[in-house]
Amino acid sequence: MSLVRNDIQQLKTLTNDGMSQRTHIAELQNLLGEHLSLDSENISSGKTNNPDIWAITLTDQGKDTMDKIGRVLFQIREEEGYWLNVRQQHTEDNAITSEVASVALIGGVALALFFIVIIRLRLERLQRVVTICAWTGLVYYEGQWIRMDEYLQRRFGLSVSHGLSREASAKIIGEIKESNRPGSERPPARPGAF
């Protein structure tokens, strides 16, 4: 009986967070207290004459009591198995969620690193020094002097259209008017003009 009491105490400790399990344990204690009120000291010392103590396992009442105890223990085991499965499922769900989050985070970091490398390469490409002729405005590119619009097309794939700024158009109109006056000379051609 002392071993049974120790086992019940361990069950109480292990299931102290489950209200229904505490109810089952209380029922188990009642069954043991009412029907199996064996006092281990009296039995071991031989001081008892109670014939019910010796005959408990041989009678229908003893069998019925053992069946009730078995049912309570079965309910305890089933309930603990159910909660164990619930906790296991919850743990597996958390693990899967953590793995998905980790993979997403790793993917995000890899994508960010990829973009950083691309941006760095583009910046390195853009940071090269461009040599432009101070007189003609031509650009030195791959061993040749080329026009700015051709440089932009080759280097960056940009299409360039041509136009005149207001200042340039005003200057050109002024030069044309000056050259059309009687007795005026044509101004010398600008270097690099086409």
N, C-alpha and C. Protein backbone atom coordinates (compact mmCIF):
# COMPACT_ATOMS: atom_id res chain seq x y z
N MET A 1 0.82 -1.20 0.00
CA MET A 1 0.00 0.00 0.00
C MET A 1 0.86 1.25 0.00
N SER A 2 2.04 1.18 0.65
CA SER A 2 2.90 2.35 0.63
C SER A 2 3.42 2.60 -0.79
N LEU A 3 3.67 1.52 -1.53
CA LEU A 3 4.09 1.69 -2.92
C LEU A 3 2.95 2.29 -3.75
N VAL A 4 1.71 1.86 -3.47
CA VAL A 4 0.56 2.41 -4.19
C VAL A 4 0.42 3.89 -3.85
N ARG A 5 0.56 4.24 -2.58
CA ARG A 5 0.47 5.66 -2.19
C ARG A 5 1.57 6.48 -2.88
N ASN A 6 2.78 5.93 -2.95
CA ASN A 6 3.88 6.63 -3.64
C ASN A 6 3.55 6.82 -5.13
N ASP A 7 2.99 5.78 -5.73
CA ASP A 7 2.62 5.88 -7.15
C ASP A 7 1.54 6.94 -7.36
N ILE A 8 0.57 6.99 -6.46
CA ILE A 8 -0.50 8.00 -6.57
C ILE A 8 0.09 9.39 -6.39
N GLN A 9 1.02 9.54 -5.47
CA GLN A 9 1.66 10.85 -5.27
C GLN A 9 2.43 11.26 -6.53
N GLN A 10 3.10 10.32 -7.15
CA GLN A 10 3.81 10.63 -8.40
C GLN A 10 2.83 11.02 -9.49
N LEU A 11 1.69 10.31 -9.57
CA LEU A 11 0.66 10.67 -10.55
C LEU A 11 0.16 12.09 -10.31
N LYS A 12 -0.04 12.45 -9.05
CA LYS A 12 -0.49 13.82 -8.73
C LYS A 12 0.54 14.84 -9.20
N THR A 13 1.80 14.53 -8.95
CA THR A 13 2.86 15.45 -9.36
C THR A 13 2.92 15.60 -10.87
N LEU A 14 2.81 14.50 -11.59
CA LEU A 14 2.92 14.52 -13.05
C LEU A 14 1.70 15.14 -13.72
N THR A 15 0.55 15.07 -13.06
CA THR A 15 -0.68 15.56 -13.71
C THR A 15 -1.28 16.76 -12.98
N ASN A 16 -0.45 17.55 -12.30
CA ASN A 16 -0.99 18.64 -11.50
C ASN A 16 -1.60 19.76 -12.34
N ASP A 17 -1.34 19.79 -13.64
CA ASP A 17 -1.93 20.84 -14.47
C ASP A 17 -3.24 20.40 -15.13
N GLY A 18 -3.66 19.14 -14.94
CA GLY A 18 -4.88 18.65 -15.56
C GLY A 18 -5.99 18.47 -14.55
N MET A 19 -7.05 19.26 -14.68
CA MET A 19 -8.16 19.20 -13.73
C MET A 19 -8.85 17.84 -13.79
N SER A 20 -9.10 17.32 -14.99
CA SER A 20 -9.80 16.02 -15.10
C SER A 20 -8.92 14.90 -14.56
N GLN A 21 -7.61 15.02 -14.73
CA GLN A 21 -6.72 13.98 -14.20
C GLN A 21 -6.74 14.00 -12.67
N ARG A 22 -6.82 15.17 -12.07
CA ARG A 22 -6.90 15.24 -10.61
C ARG A 22 -8.20 14.59 -10.12
N THR A 23 -9.28 14.74 -10.91
CA THR A 23 -10.55 14.11 -10.56
C THR A 23 -10.40 12.59 -10.61
N HIS A 24 -9.75 12.10 -11.65
CA HIS A 24 -9.52 10.65 -11.75
C HIS A 24 -8.67 10.13 -10.59
N ILE A 25 -7.66 10.88 -10.23
CA ILE A 25 -6.78 10.44 -9.13
C ILE A 25 -7.55 10.44 -7.80
N ALA A 26 -8.41 11.44 -7.61
CA ALA A 26 -9.22 11.47 -6.38
C ALA A 26 -10.16 10.26 -6.36
N GLU A 27 -10.74 9.91 -7.50
CA GLU A 27 -11.60 8.73 -7.58
C GLU A 27 -10.81 7.46 -7.27
N LEU A 28 -9.59 7.41 -7.79
CA LEU A 28 -8.72 6.25 -7.53
C LEU A 28 -8.39 6.15 -6.04
N GLN A 29 -8.11 7.28 -5.41
CA GLN A 29 -7.83 7.27 -3.98
C GLN A 29 -9.05 6.82 -3.17
N ASN A 30 -10.24 7.27 -3.58
CA ASN A 30 -11.46 6.84 -2.88
C ASN A 30 -11.64 5.34 -3.00
N LEU A 31 -11.45 4.80 -4.22
CA LEU A 31 -11.58 3.35 -4.41
C LEU A 31 -10.60 2.60 -3.52
N LEU A 32 -9.37 3.06 -3.51
CA LEU A 32 -8.36 2.37 -2.70
C LEU A 32 -8.66 2.52 -1.20
N GLY A 33 -9.15 3.69 -0.81
CA GLY A 33 -9.43 3.94 0.61
C GLY A 33 -10.64 3.16 1.11
N GLU A 34 -11.71 3.08 0.29
CA GLU A 34 -12.93 2.42 0.72
C GLU A 34 -12.82 0.90 0.64
N HIS A 35 -12.36 0.43 -0.49
CA HIS A 35 -12.44 -1.01 -0.74
C HIS A 35 -11.14 -1.75 -0.47
N LEU A 36 -10.05 -1.07 -0.54
CA LEU A 36 -8.77 -1.75 -0.28
C LEU A 36 -8.07 -1.09 0.88
N SER A 37 -8.76 -0.91 1.97
CA SER A 37 -8.16 -0.23 3.12
C SER A 37 -7.22 -1.18 3.84
N LEU A 38 -6.15 -1.45 3.16
CA LEU A 38 -5.15 -2.34 3.73
C LEU A 38 -4.12 -1.51 4.47
N ASP A 39 -3.89 -1.85 5.68
CA ASP A 39 -2.88 -1.17 6.45
C ASP A 39 -1.64 -2.04 6.41
N SER A 40 -0.63 -1.57 5.76
CA SER A 40 0.56 -2.40 5.53
C SER A 40 1.24 -2.79 6.84
N GLU A 41 1.18 -1.96 7.87
CA GLU A 41 1.83 -2.29 9.14
C GLU A 41 1.10 -3.45 9.83
N ASN A 42 -0.24 -3.44 9.81
CA ASN A 42 -1.01 -4.51 10.44
C ASN A 42 -0.80 -5.82 9.72
N ILE A 43 -0.73 -5.77 8.37
CA ILE A 43 -0.56 -7.01 7.61
C ILE A 43 0.82 -7.60 7.84
N SER A 44 1.84 -6.75 7.81
CA SER A 44 3.19 -7.27 7.94
C SER A 44 3.47 -7.77 9.36
N SER A 45 2.84 -7.18 10.36
CA SER A 45 3.08 -7.62 11.72
C SER A 45 2.13 -8.76 12.12
N GLY A 46 1.12 -9.04 11.27
CA GLY A 46 0.20 -10.13 11.56
C GLY A 46 -0.81 -9.76 12.63
N LYS A 47 -1.04 -8.47 12.92
CA LYS A 47 -1.94 -8.02 13.97
C LYS A 47 -3.39 -7.99 13.53
N THR A 48 -3.69 -8.30 12.32
CA THR A 48 -5.06 -8.17 11.85
C THR A 48 -5.74 -9.51 11.78
N ASN A 49 -7.05 -9.47 12.08
CA ASN A 49 -7.87 -10.66 11.96
C ASN A 49 -8.98 -10.46 10.94
N ASN A 50 -8.95 -9.37 10.24
CA ASN A 50 -10.02 -9.04 9.33
C ASN A 50 -9.98 -10.02 8.15
N PRO A 51 -11.00 -10.87 8.02
CA PRO A 51 -10.99 -11.86 6.94
C PRO A 51 -11.18 -11.20 5.57
N ASP A 52 -11.79 -9.98 5.53
CA ASP A 52 -11.99 -9.29 4.26
C ASP A 52 -10.66 -8.92 3.62
N ILE A 53 -9.69 -8.62 4.42
CA ILE A 53 -8.39 -8.24 3.88
C ILE A 53 -7.78 -9.39 3.11
N TRP A 54 -7.89 -10.59 3.64
CA TRP A 54 -7.27 -11.73 2.99
C TRP A 54 -8.09 -12.24 1.81
N ALA A 55 -9.36 -11.99 1.83
CA ALA A 55 -10.22 -12.55 0.81
C ALA A 55 -10.57 -11.55 -0.30
N ILE A 56 -10.01 -10.36 -0.24
CA ILE A 56 -10.45 -9.31 -1.15
C ILE A 56 -10.23 -9.66 -2.62
N THR A 57 -9.17 -10.32 -2.93
CA THR A 57 -8.91 -10.66 -4.32
C THR A 57 -9.70 -11.88 -4.76
N LEU A 58 -10.27 -12.62 -3.82
CA LEU A 58 -11.00 -13.83 -4.17
C LEU A 58 -12.50 -13.61 -4.30
N THR A 59 -13.00 -12.50 -3.87
CA THR A 59 -14.44 -12.26 -3.89
C THR A 59 -14.85 -11.44 -5.09
N ASP A 60 -16.16 -11.41 -5.33
CA ASP A 60 -16.71 -10.59 -6.42
C ASP A 60 -16.50 -9.11 -6.13
N GLN A 61 -16.60 -8.75 -4.87
CA GLN A 61 -16.40 -7.35 -4.52
C GLN A 61 -14.96 -6.93 -4.83
N GLY A 62 -14.02 -7.78 -4.54
CA GLY A 62 -12.61 -7.49 -4.85
C GLY A 62 -12.39 -7.38 -6.34
N LYS A 63 -13.02 -8.28 -7.09
CA LYS A 63 -12.88 -8.25 -8.54
C LYS A 63 -13.51 -6.98 -9.10
N ASP A 64 -14.67 -6.62 -8.56
CA ASP A 64 -15.35 -5.40 -9.01
C ASP A 64 -14.49 -4.17 -8.69
N THR A 65 -13.92 -4.15 -7.51
CA THR A 65 -13.05 -3.02 -7.13
C THR A 65 -11.85 -2.93 -8.06
N MET A 66 -11.24 -4.05 -8.35
CA MET A 66 -10.07 -4.06 -9.25
C MET A 66 -10.46 -3.61 -10.66
N ASP A 67 -11.67 -4.01 -11.08
CA ASP A 67 -12.15 -3.55 -12.40
C ASP A 67 -12.34 -2.04 -12.41
N LYS A 68 -12.91 -1.48 -11.34
CA LYS A 68 -13.10 -0.04 -11.26
C LYS A 68 -11.74 0.68 -11.28
N ILE A 69 -10.81 0.15 -10.53
CA ILE A 69 -9.46 0.74 -10.51
C ILE A 69 -8.85 0.67 -11.91
N GLY A 70 -9.03 -0.46 -12.56
CA GLY A 70 -8.51 -0.62 -13.92
C GLY A 70 -9.12 0.39 -14.88
N ARG A 71 -10.46 0.63 -14.73
CA ARG A 71 -11.11 1.61 -15.62
C ARG A 71 -10.59 3.02 -15.36
N VAL A 72 -10.41 3.37 -14.11
CA VAL A 72 -9.89 4.71 -13.79
C VAL A 72 -8.48 4.86 -14.34
N LEU A 73 -7.65 3.84 -14.15
CA LEU A 73 -6.29 3.91 -14.69
C LEU A 73 -6.30 3.98 -16.21
N PHE A 74 -7.24 3.26 -16.83
CA PHE A 74 -7.36 3.31 -18.30
C PHE A 74 -7.75 4.72 -18.74
N GLN A 75 -8.70 5.34 -18.02
CA GLN A 75 -9.11 6.71 -18.37
C GLN A 75 -7.94 7.68 -18.21
N ILE A 76 -7.19 7.49 -17.14
CA ILE A 76 -6.02 8.36 -16.93
C ILE A 76 -5.04 8.20 -18.08
N ARG A 77 -4.75 6.95 -18.45
CA ARG A 77 -3.80 6.69 -19.53
C ARG A 77 -4.31 7.23 -20.86
N GLU A 78 -5.60 7.04 -21.15
CA GLU A 78 -6.17 7.53 -22.41
C GLU A 78 -6.11 9.06 -22.47
N GLU A 79 -6.45 9.70 -21.37
CA GLU A 79 -6.44 11.16 -21.36
C GLU A 79 -5.02 11.71 -21.52
N GLU A 80 -4.09 11.08 -20.83
CA GLU A 80 -2.70 11.52 -20.97
C GLU A 80 -2.20 11.27 -22.40
N GLY A 81 -2.62 10.15 -22.99
CA GLY A 81 -2.25 9.88 -24.40
C GLY A 81 -2.82 10.92 -25.33
N TYR A 82 -4.09 11.31 -25.07
CA TYR A 82 -4.72 12.35 -25.91
C TYR A 82 -3.95 13.66 -25.80
N TRP A 83 -3.66 14.09 -24.57
CA TRP A 83 -2.96 15.37 -24.39
C TRP A 83 -1.53 15.30 -24.91
N LEU A 84 -0.92 14.13 -24.82
CA LEU A 84 0.41 13.96 -25.40
C LEU A 84 0.36 14.13 -26.92
N ASN A 85 -0.66 13.54 -27.55
CA ASN A 85 -0.82 13.71 -29.00
C ASN A 85 -1.08 15.16 -29.37
N VAL A 86 -1.91 15.85 -28.58
CA VAL A 86 -2.19 17.27 -28.85
C VAL A 86 -0.91 18.08 -28.74
N ARG A 87 -0.14 17.85 -27.68
CA ARG A 87 1.12 18.59 -27.51
C ARG A 87 2.11 18.26 -28.62
N GLN A 88 2.15 16.99 -29.00
CA GLN A 88 3.07 16.57 -30.08
C GLN A 88 2.67 17.25 -31.39
N GLN A 89 1.38 17.30 -31.70
CA GLN A 89 0.91 17.95 -32.92
C GLN A 89 1.23 19.45 -32.89
N HIS A 90 1.02 20.05 -31.73
CA HIS A 90 1.32 21.47 -31.57
C HIS A 90 2.83 21.72 -31.77
N THR A 91 3.65 20.85 -31.21
CA THR A 91 5.10 20.97 -31.36
C THR A 91 5.51 20.79 -32.82
N GLU A 92 4.90 19.81 -33.49
CA GLU A 92 5.21 19.60 -34.92
C GLU A 92 4.78 20.80 -35.75
N ASP A 93 3.61 21.36 -35.45
CA ASP A 93 3.15 22.56 -36.18
C ASP A 93 4.11 23.73 -35.97
N ASN A 94 4.56 23.90 -34.72
CA ASN A 94 5.52 24.96 -34.44
C ASN A 94 6.83 24.72 -35.17
N ALA A 95 7.27 23.46 -35.22
CA ALA A 95 8.53 23.15 -35.92
C ALA A 95 8.40 23.44 -37.41
N ILE A 96 7.27 23.07 -38.00
CA ILE A 96 7.06 23.32 -39.43
C ILE A 96 7.00 24.83 -39.69
N THR A 97 6.29 25.56 -38.83
CA THR A 97 6.22 27.01 -38.98
C THR A 97 7.61 27.63 -38.86
N SER A 98 8.39 27.15 -37.91
CA SER A 98 9.75 27.66 -37.74
C SER A 98 10.61 27.36 -38.95
N GLU A 99 10.47 26.15 -39.50
CA GLU A 99 11.25 25.79 -40.69
C GLU A 99 10.87 26.66 -41.88
N VAL A 100 9.57 26.87 -42.07
CA VAL A 100 9.11 27.71 -43.18
C VAL A 100 9.63 29.14 -43.00
N ALA A 101 9.54 29.65 -41.78
CA ALA A 101 10.04 31.00 -41.52
C ALA A 101 11.54 31.08 -41.76
N SER A 102 12.28 30.04 -41.36
CA SER A 102 13.72 30.02 -41.58
C SER A 102 14.05 30.00 -43.06
N VAL A 103 13.34 29.16 -43.82
CA VAL A 103 13.58 29.09 -45.26
C VAL A 103 13.25 30.43 -45.92
N ALA A 104 12.13 31.04 -45.50
CA ALA A 104 11.75 32.34 -46.06
C ALA A 104 12.78 33.40 -45.71
N LEU A 105 13.27 33.37 -44.49
CA LEU A 105 14.29 34.33 -44.08
C LEU A 105 15.59 34.12 -44.86
N ILE A 106 15.99 32.87 -45.02
CA ILE A 106 17.21 32.58 -45.78
C ILE A 106 17.03 33.02 -47.23
N GLY A 107 15.85 32.75 -47.80
CA GLY A 107 15.57 33.20 -49.17
C GLY A 107 15.61 34.71 -49.29
N GLY A 108 15.03 35.40 -48.31
CA GLY A 108 15.05 36.86 -48.31
C GLY A 108 16.47 37.41 -48.22
N VAL A 109 17.27 36.81 -47.36
CA VAL A 109 18.66 37.25 -47.22
C VAL A 109 19.43 36.98 -48.51
N ALA A 110 19.21 35.81 -49.12
CA ALA A 110 19.89 35.49 -50.38
C ALA A 110 19.47 36.46 -51.48
N LEU A 111 18.19 36.78 -51.54
CA LEU A 111 17.71 37.73 -52.55
C LEU A 111 18.31 39.11 -52.30
N ALA A 112 18.37 39.53 -51.05
CA ALA A 112 18.96 40.83 -50.72
C ALA A 112 20.43 40.86 -51.10
N LEU A 113 21.16 39.78 -50.80
CA LEU A 113 22.57 39.71 -51.19
C LEU A 113 22.74 39.76 -52.70
N PHE A 114 21.86 39.07 -53.42
CA PHE A 114 21.91 39.09 -54.87
C PHE A 114 21.74 40.51 -55.40
N PHE A 115 20.75 41.24 -54.86
CA PHE A 115 20.53 42.61 -55.31
C PHE A 115 21.70 43.52 -54.91
N ILE A 116 22.28 43.29 -53.76
CA ILE A 116 23.44 44.08 -53.33
C ILE A 116 24.60 43.87 -54.28
N VAL A 117 24.84 42.62 -54.67
CA VAL A 117 25.93 42.33 -55.61
C VAL A 117 25.65 43.00 -56.95
N ILE A 118 24.43 42.91 -57.43
CA ILE A 118 24.08 43.54 -58.72
C ILE A 118 24.26 45.06 -58.64
N ILE A 119 23.78 45.66 -57.57
CA ILE A 119 23.92 47.11 -57.41
C ILE A 119 25.38 47.50 -57.32
N ARG A 120 26.16 46.72 -56.60
CA ARG A 120 27.60 47.00 -56.48
C ARG A 120 28.28 46.92 -57.83
N LEU A 121 27.95 45.90 -58.61
CA LEU A 121 28.56 45.78 -59.94
C LEU A 121 28.17 46.96 -60.82
N ARG A 122 26.91 47.34 -60.75
CA ARG A 122 26.47 48.48 -61.57
C ARG A 122 27.15 49.77 -61.12
N LEU A 123 27.30 49.95 -59.81
CA LEU A 123 27.97 51.14 -59.32
C LEU A 123 29.43 51.17 -59.74
N GLU A 124 30.08 50.03 -59.69
CA GLU A 124 31.47 49.97 -60.16
C GLU A 124 31.56 50.33 -61.62
N ARG A 125 30.60 49.85 -62.39
CA ARG A 125 30.59 50.15 -63.81
C ARG A 125 30.34 51.64 -64.06
N LEU A 126 29.47 52.23 -63.24
CA LEU A 126 29.16 53.64 -63.41
C LEU A 126 30.25 54.56 -62.87
N GLN A 127 31.06 54.07 -61.96
CA GLN A 127 32.07 54.92 -61.33
C GLN A 127 33.33 55.08 -62.16
N ARG A 128 33.44 54.44 -63.28
CA ARG A 128 34.62 54.62 -64.10
C ARG A 128 34.72 56.06 -64.57
N VAL A 129 35.92 56.54 -64.74
CA VAL A 129 36.14 57.90 -65.20
C VAL A 129 35.95 57.95 -66.71
N VAL A 130 35.20 58.94 -67.17
CA VAL A 130 34.95 59.13 -68.59
C VAL A 130 35.82 60.30 -69.05
N THR A 131 36.60 60.08 -70.10
CA THR A 131 37.45 61.14 -70.63
C THR A 131 36.73 61.83 -71.79
N ILE A 132 36.56 63.15 -71.65
CA ILE A 132 35.88 63.94 -72.68
C ILE A 132 36.86 65.01 -73.17
N CYS A 133 36.92 65.16 -74.47
CA CYS A 133 37.79 66.17 -75.07
C CYS A 133 37.26 67.56 -74.68
N ALA A 134 38.14 68.38 -74.14
CA ALA A 134 37.73 69.71 -73.70
C ALA A 134 37.39 70.62 -74.88
N TRP A 135 37.92 70.34 -76.03
CA TRP A 135 37.70 71.21 -77.19
C TRP A 135 36.52 70.76 -78.03
N THR A 136 36.48 69.47 -78.37
CA THR A 136 35.43 68.99 -79.29
C THR A 136 34.25 68.37 -78.57
N GLY A 137 34.40 67.97 -77.30
CA GLY A 137 33.31 67.32 -76.58
C GLY A 137 33.17 65.84 -76.91
N LEU A 138 34.15 65.27 -77.67
CA LEU A 138 34.11 63.84 -77.98
C LEU A 138 34.54 63.04 -76.75
N VAL A 139 34.06 61.80 -76.67
CA VAL A 139 34.33 60.93 -75.52
C VAL A 139 35.30 59.84 -75.96
N TYR A 140 36.31 59.59 -75.10
CA TYR A 140 37.27 58.53 -75.38
C TYR A 140 36.72 57.24 -74.78
N TYR A 141 36.41 56.27 -75.65
CA TYR A 141 35.79 55.01 -75.20
C TYR A 141 36.35 53.88 -76.03
N GLU A 142 36.93 52.89 -75.35
CA GLU A 142 37.49 51.69 -75.97
C GLU A 142 38.46 52.04 -77.09
N GLY A 143 39.33 53.00 -76.80
CA GLY A 143 40.39 53.35 -77.74
C GLY A 143 39.96 54.25 -78.88
N GLN A 144 38.74 54.79 -78.86
CA GLN A 144 38.26 55.66 -79.93
C GLN A 144 37.67 56.92 -79.33
N TRP A 145 37.73 58.00 -80.14
CA TRP A 145 37.05 59.24 -79.79
C TRP A 145 35.72 59.23 -80.51
N ILE A 146 34.60 59.18 -79.74
CA ILE A 146 33.27 59.10 -80.34
C ILE A 146 32.39 60.21 -79.77
N ARG A 147 31.30 60.49 -80.45
CA ARG A 147 30.36 61.50 -79.97
C ARG A 147 29.69 61.02 -78.69
N MET A 148 29.18 61.98 -77.93
CA MET A 148 28.54 61.68 -76.65
C MET A 148 27.33 60.77 -76.83
N ASP A 149 26.51 61.05 -77.86
CA ASP A 149 25.33 60.22 -78.06
C ASP A 149 25.70 58.79 -78.42
N GLU A 150 26.77 58.61 -79.18
CA GLU A 150 27.23 57.26 -79.52
C GLU A 150 27.77 56.55 -78.28
N TYR A 151 28.49 57.30 -77.44
CA TYR A 151 29.00 56.74 -76.19
C TYR A 151 27.85 56.24 -75.30
N LEU A 152 26.82 57.07 -75.15
CA LEU A 152 25.68 56.67 -74.33
C LEU A 152 24.97 55.44 -74.88
N GLN A 153 24.91 55.36 -76.20
CA GLN A 153 24.28 54.20 -76.83
C GLN A 153 25.10 52.94 -76.58
N ARG A 154 26.43 53.01 -76.82
CA ARG A 154 27.28 51.83 -76.65
C ARG A 154 27.40 51.40 -75.18
N ARG A 155 27.62 52.38 -74.31
CA ARG A 155 27.93 52.08 -72.91
C ARG A 155 26.69 51.68 -72.12
N PHE A 156 25.57 52.39 -72.30
CA PHE A 156 24.41 52.19 -71.46
C PHE A 156 23.17 51.73 -72.22
N GLY A 157 23.28 51.65 -73.55
CA GLY A 157 22.13 51.24 -74.35
C GLY A 157 21.05 52.30 -74.40
N LEU A 158 21.42 53.56 -74.22
CA LEU A 158 20.45 54.65 -74.24
C LEU A 158 20.28 55.18 -75.65
N SER A 159 19.05 55.47 -76.01
CA SER A 159 18.79 56.13 -77.28
C SER A 159 18.77 57.63 -77.03
N VAL A 160 19.37 58.37 -77.93
CA VAL A 160 19.50 59.81 -77.75
C VAL A 160 18.81 60.50 -78.91
N SER A 161 18.04 61.54 -78.61
CA SER A 161 17.47 62.38 -79.66
C SER A 161 18.18 63.74 -79.59
N HIS A 162 18.13 64.45 -80.68
CA HIS A 162 18.84 65.73 -80.74
C HIS A 162 17.84 66.87 -80.75
N GLY A 163 18.23 67.97 -80.19
CA GLY A 163 17.43 69.19 -80.17
C GLY A 163 18.35 70.36 -79.88
N LEU A 164 17.76 71.53 -79.79
CA LEU A 164 18.53 72.74 -79.49
C LEU A 164 17.99 73.37 -78.22
N SER A 165 18.91 73.83 -77.38
CA SER A 165 18.48 74.56 -76.19
C SER A 165 18.06 75.96 -76.62
N ARG A 166 17.38 76.67 -75.77
CA ARG A 166 16.92 78.03 -76.09
C ARG A 166 18.11 78.96 -76.33
N GLU A 167 19.11 78.81 -75.48
CA GLU A 167 20.29 79.67 -75.64
C GLU A 167 20.98 79.42 -76.96
N ALA A 168 21.13 78.11 -77.33
CA ALA A 168 21.80 77.79 -78.60
C ALA A 168 20.97 78.26 -79.78
N SER A 169 19.66 78.08 -79.71
CA SER A 169 18.82 78.52 -80.84
C SER A 169 18.83 80.03 -80.95
N ALA A 170 18.84 80.76 -79.84
CA ALA A 170 18.92 82.22 -79.88
C ALA A 170 20.25 82.67 -80.47
N LYS A 171 21.30 82.00 -80.11
CA LYS A 171 22.64 82.33 -80.63
C LYS A 171 22.71 82.08 -82.13
N ILE A 172 22.18 80.91 -82.57
CA ILE A 172 22.21 80.57 -84.00
C ILE A 172 21.37 81.57 -84.79
N ILE A 173 20.20 81.93 -84.31
CA ILE A 173 19.35 82.89 -85.00
C ILE A 173 20.07 84.24 -85.08
N GLY A 174 20.73 84.63 -83.99
CA GLY A 174 21.50 85.88 -84.00
C GLY A 174 22.61 85.84 -85.03
N GLU A 175 23.31 84.70 -85.12
CA GLU A 175 24.40 84.57 -86.10
C GLU A 175 23.87 84.61 -87.52
N ILE A 176 22.73 83.97 -87.75
CA ILE A 176 22.15 83.97 -89.10
C ILE A 176 21.74 85.39 -89.48
N LYS A 177 21.11 86.10 -88.58
CA LYS A 177 20.71 87.48 -88.87
C LYS A 177 21.92 88.36 -89.15
N GLU A 178 22.96 88.16 -88.38
CA GLU A 178 24.19 88.94 -88.56
C GLU A 178 24.83 88.65 -89.90
N SER A 179 24.83 87.36 -90.28
CA SER A 179 25.47 87.00 -91.55
C SER A 179 24.64 87.45 -92.75
N ASN A 180 23.35 87.65 -92.58
CA ASN A 180 22.48 88.06 -93.68
C ASN A 180 22.48 89.58 -93.88
N ARG A 181 23.04 90.38 -93.03
CA ARG A 181 23.11 91.82 -93.23
C ARG A 181 24.09 92.14 -94.33
N PRO A 182 23.74 93.14 -95.07
CA PRO A 182 24.67 93.51 -96.14
C PRO A 182 25.98 94.02 -95.55
N GLY A 183 27.04 93.55 -96.09
CA GLY A 183 28.39 93.99 -95.74
C GLY A 183 28.96 93.27 -94.53
N SER A 184 28.29 92.30 -94.00
CA SER A 184 28.86 91.58 -92.85
C SER A 184 29.56 90.32 -93.33
N GLU A 185 30.56 89.95 -92.61
CA GLU A 185 31.31 88.74 -92.95
C GLU A 185 30.73 87.56 -92.18
N ARG A 186 30.96 86.43 -92.77
CA ARG A 186 30.53 85.22 -92.05
C ARG A 186 31.48 84.97 -90.90
N PRO A 187 30.93 84.61 -89.74
CA PRO A 187 31.83 84.29 -88.63
C PRO A 187 32.55 82.98 -88.91
N PRO A 188 33.74 82.83 -88.36
CA PRO A 188 34.47 81.58 -88.58
C PRO A 188 33.70 80.40 -88.00
N ALA A 189 33.84 79.24 -88.60
CA ALA A 189 33.13 78.03 -88.14
C ALA A 189 33.69 77.60 -86.80
N ARG A 190 32.82 77.12 -86.00
CA ARG A 190 33.18 76.62 -84.67
C ARG A 190 33.87 75.28 -84.81
N PRO A 191 34.97 75.04 -84.07
CA PRO A 191 35.63 73.74 -84.18
C PRO A 191 34.69 72.64 -83.68
N GLY A 192 34.69 71.53 -84.35
CA GLY A 192 33.88 70.39 -83.96
C GLY A 192 32.43 70.51 -84.39
N ALA A 193 32.06 71.58 -85.07
CA ALA A 193 30.66 71.72 -85.52
C ALA A 193 30.48 70.92 -86.78
N PHE A 194 29.30 70.40 -86.99
CA PHE A 194 29.06 69.55 -88.16
C PHE A 194 28.24 70.29 -89.18
